[in-house]
């Protein structure tokens, strides 16, 4: 992450009295290397990169984010304004 962006986020969170979402940051930090490992193993086993890019990678990413709790339904609802995730 760009250091200026990181500093800006720290200042913004601090100015409104919020703490940084360390739990979410740690969950995403675990999810990203797992996604990389899955991608590496799939490509080494001979999976076509286009299939990996369009089908396997997004599915793994969604599954990992929901499994580790990095993304919650309430967040998706507030982000997209949708109610059919329930």
C-alpha atoms as a PDB file:
ATOM      1  CA  UNK A   1       0.000   0.000   0.000  1.00  0.00           C
ATOM      2  CA  UNK A   2       1.215   3.469  -0.790  1.00  0.00           C
ATOM      3  CA  UNK A   3       2.603   5.151   2.317  1.00  0.00           C
ATOM      4  CA  UNK A   4       0.644   8.361   1.669  1.00  0.00           C
ATOM      5  CA  UNK A   5      -2.606   6.432   1.422  1.00  0.00           C
ATOM      6  CA  UNK A   6      -1.772   4.521   4.606  1.00  0.00           C
ATOM      7  CA  UNK A   7      -1.011   7.744   6.481  1.00  0.00           C
ATOM      8  CA  UNK A   8      -4.240   9.304   5.195  1.00  0.00           C
ATOM      9  CA  UNK A   9      -6.274   6.355   6.447  1.00  0.00           C
ATOM     10  CA  UNK A  10      -4.579   6.518   9.850  1.00  0.00           C
ATOM     11  CA  UNK A  11      -5.284  10.241  10.134  1.00  0.00           C
ATOM     12  CA  UNK A  12      -8.910   9.798   9.022  1.00  0.00           C
ATOM     13  CA  UNK A  13      -9.573   6.974  11.495  1.00  0.00           C
ATOM     14  CA  UNK A  14      -7.886   8.911  14.275  1.00  0.00           C
ATOM     15  CA  UNK A  15      -9.724  12.166  13.534  1.00  0.00           C
ATOM     16  CA  UNK A  16     -13.144  10.524  13.921  1.00  0.00           C
ATOM     17  CA  UNK A  17     -12.107   8.480  16.945  1.00  0.00           C
ATOM     18  CA  UNK A  18     -12.063   5.078  15.282  1.00  0.00           C
ATOM     19  CA  UNK A  19      -9.494   2.364  15.712  1.00  0.00           C
ATOM     20  CA  UNK A  20      -8.081   0.548  12.747  1.00  0.00           C
ATOM     21  CA  UNK A  21      -9.913  -2.670  11.847  1.00  0.00           C
ATOM     22  CA  UNK A  22      -7.039  -4.938  12.877  1.00  0.00           C
ATOM     23  CA  UNK A  23      -9.160  -8.103  12.808  1.00  0.00           C
ATOM     24  CA  UNK A  24     -10.164  -7.490   9.193  1.00  0.00           C
ATOM     25  CA  UNK A  25      -6.619  -6.549   8.239  1.00  0.00           C
ATOM     26  CA  UNK A  26      -5.278  -9.777   9.734  1.00  0.00           C
ATOM     27  CA  UNK A  27      -7.947 -11.924   8.040  1.00  0.00           C
ATOM     28  CA  UNK A  28      -7.224 -10.383   4.659  1.00  0.00           C
ATOM     29  CA  UNK A  29      -3.489 -10.801   5.302  1.00  0.00           C
ATOM     30  CA  UNK A  30      -4.072 -14.537   5.750  1.00  0.00           C
ATOM     31  CA  UNK A  31      -6.452 -14.827   2.795  1.00  0.00           C
ATOM     32  CA  UNK A  32      -4.136 -13.257   0.211  1.00  0.00           C
ATOM     33  CA  UNK A  33      -1.200 -15.692   0.633  1.00  0.00           C
ATOM     34  CA  UNK A  34      -3.634 -18.640   0.668  1.00  0.00           C
ATOM     35  CA  UNK A  35      -5.084 -17.410  -2.614  1.00  0.00           C
ATOM     36  CA  UNK A  36      -1.571 -17.146  -4.041  1.00  0.00           C
ATOM     37  CA  UNK A  37      -0.749 -20.670  -2.907  1.00  0.00           C
ATOM     38  CA  UNK A  38      -3.933 -22.076  -4.447  1.00  0.00           C
ATOM     39  CA  UNK A  39      -3.180 -20.258  -7.696  1.00  0.00           C
ATOM     40  CA  UNK A  40       0.402 -21.512  -7.765  1.00  0.00           C
ATOM     41  CA  UNK A  41      -0.603 -25.112  -7.093  1.00  0.00           C
ATOM     42  CA  UNK A  42      -3.351 -25.031  -9.716  1.00  0.00           C
ATOM     43  CA  UNK A  43      -1.074 -23.578 -12.387  1.00  0.00           C
ATOM     44  CA  UNK A  44       1.704 -26.063 -11.580  1.00  0.00           C
ATOM     45  CA  UNK A  45      -0.765 -28.938 -11.843  1.00  0.00           C
ATOM     46  CA  UNK A  46      -1.549 -27.911 -15.417  1.00  0.00           C
ATOM     47  CA  UNK A  47      -4.747 -25.898 -15.091  1.00  0.00           C
ATOM     48  CA  UNK A  48      -5.111 -23.459 -17.980  1.00  0.00           C
ATOM     49  CA  UNK A  49      -4.333 -19.912 -16.804  1.00  0.00           C
ATOM     50  CA  UNK A  50      -7.503 -18.523 -18.391  1.00  0.00           C
ATOM     51  CA  UNK A  51      -9.677 -21.018 -16.498  1.00  0.00           C
ATOM     52  CA  UNK A  52      -7.714 -20.178 -13.365  1.00  0.00           C
ATOM     53  CA  UNK A  53      -8.224 -16.457 -13.908  1.00  0.00           C
ATOM     54  CA  UNK A  54     -11.921 -16.522 -14.753  1.00  0.00           C
ATOM     55  CA  UNK A  55     -13.310 -19.391 -12.673  1.00  0.00           C
ATOM     56  CA  UNK A  56     -11.075 -20.881 -10.000  1.00  0.00           C
ATOM     57  CA  UNK A  57      -9.409 -17.760  -8.595  1.00  0.00           C
ATOM     58  CA  UNK A  58     -12.594 -15.730  -8.025  1.00  0.00           C
ATOM     59  CA  UNK A  59     -14.383 -18.732  -6.509  1.00  0.00           C
ATOM     60  CA  UNK A  60     -11.469 -19.468  -4.152  1.00  0.00           C
ATOM     61  CA  UNK A  61     -11.215 -15.824  -3.194  1.00  0.00           C
ATOM     62  CA  UNK A  62     -14.909 -15.567  -2.314  1.00  0.00           C
ATOM     63  CA  UNK A  63     -14.833 -18.840  -0.377  1.00  0.00           C
ATOM     64  CA  UNK A  64     -11.726 -17.811   1.583  1.00  0.00           C
ATOM     65  CA  UNK A  65     -13.064 -14.340   2.402  1.00  0.00           C
ATOM     66  CA  UNK A  66     -16.356 -15.741   3.702  1.00  0.00           C
ATOM     67  CA  UNK A  67     -14.763 -18.720   5.475  1.00  0.00           C
ATOM     68  CA  UNK A  68     -12.256 -16.583   7.371  1.00  0.00           C
ATOM     69  CA  UNK A  69     -14.876 -13.929   8.036  1.00  0.00           C
ATOM     70  CA  UNK A  70     -13.028 -11.127   6.268  1.00  0.00           C
ATOM     71  CA  UNK A  71     -16.262 -10.207   4.478  1.00  0.00           C
ATOM     72  CA  UNK A  72     -19.630 -10.339   6.153  1.00  0.00           C
ATOM     73  CA  UNK A  73     -23.098 -10.229   4.672  1.00  0.00           C
ATOM     74  CA  UNK A  74     -23.920  -6.969   6.445  1.00  0.00           C
ATOM     75  CA  UNK A  75     -20.975  -5.334   4.726  1.00  0.00           C
ATOM     76  CA  UNK A  76     -22.106  -6.519   1.313  1.00  0.00           C
ATOM     77  CA  UNK A  77     -25.602  -5.259   2.008  1.00  0.00           C
ATOM     78  CA  UNK A  78     -24.362  -1.834   3.020  1.00  0.00           C
ATOM     79  CA  UNK A  79     -21.877  -1.688   0.161  1.00  0.00           C
ATOM     80  CA  UNK A  80     -24.305  -2.626  -2.594  1.00  0.00           C
ATOM     81  CA  UNK A  81     -27.557  -1.612  -0.944  1.00  0.00           C
ATOM     82  CA  UNK A  82     -28.924  -5.086  -1.574  1.00  0.00           C
ATOM     83  CA  UNK A  83     -31.102  -7.119   0.722  1.00  0.00           C
ATOM     84  CA  UNK A  84     -31.199 -10.464  -1.128  1.00  0.00           C
ATOM     85  CA  UNK A  85     -28.002 -11.809   0.485  1.00  0.00           C
ATOM     86  CA  UNK A  86     -30.041 -13.103   3.434  1.00  0.00           C
END
